[in-house]
């Protein structure tokens, strides 16, 4: 039975390359045509493959429906949490995970720092959307018309002298974040707190969440925190790979 399953699963990557006929499938499997035909018929009955009018086989709609359903049921927080804990253990700093919901970006996980100073952020609390690194990452990934509409709806409180205070400045920052693939908040919300973050991407390459490392100036300088950016990005890429099943491109991991 295990050999039958193995052969059936071997068919799927072949058909992912494009439609194939019975002879091509049999050759790839190294079996007689009759064996390949039985496997294809079974997969066809379950909608996993589809036989075209030209007698070639391609991946079936049922397979895509199952993949979509599985993706929708994935819990990014559950997948990310062990990685957040490890990142926290390696850096000692506060680690956040956030998602975009409506016009808000909300923290869905947090691992506290090892030092006595505690950040005000908490799970379920919206972030300061115009300055937070996680917000910049998630909003930068929106299509340009959506980014512009959202930016024009937002208010721009001047939290500190480094806060972005206009839609034009915010959109310019989002364009920069979109280009470089990472974001910072260097005293934009609180003068004494700095943050660096990276996106977690789903199967379609879109950002489904964003994670960050934050620390106060009394513990580590902004420049020292920025030195952790490669580690933060590698951690986000590891979560992305586990969540989506796809390895990020090399430029995203550099």
Foldseek 3Di string as FASTA:
>chain_A
DVLLVVLLVQVQVVLVVHWAALVVSCVSSVHDSVSSVVSVVVCVVVQQWDQDPVRTIHGGPVVVVVLVVVLVPDDLCVLQVVLLVVVCVVPQFKKWKWFDDDLFIFTQDIDHGPDPDTDPHDHGDTDPQQADFFNLLQLLLDPPVVSLVSLVPDQFDQQDPQGDGHSVSSVVQSPVCNVQQKGKRCCRNHVFKIKIKGFQAAQVRGGGMMMMTMDGVVVPNNVRRVVCNLVRQCSSQVSNCVSHVDHDDPSSND
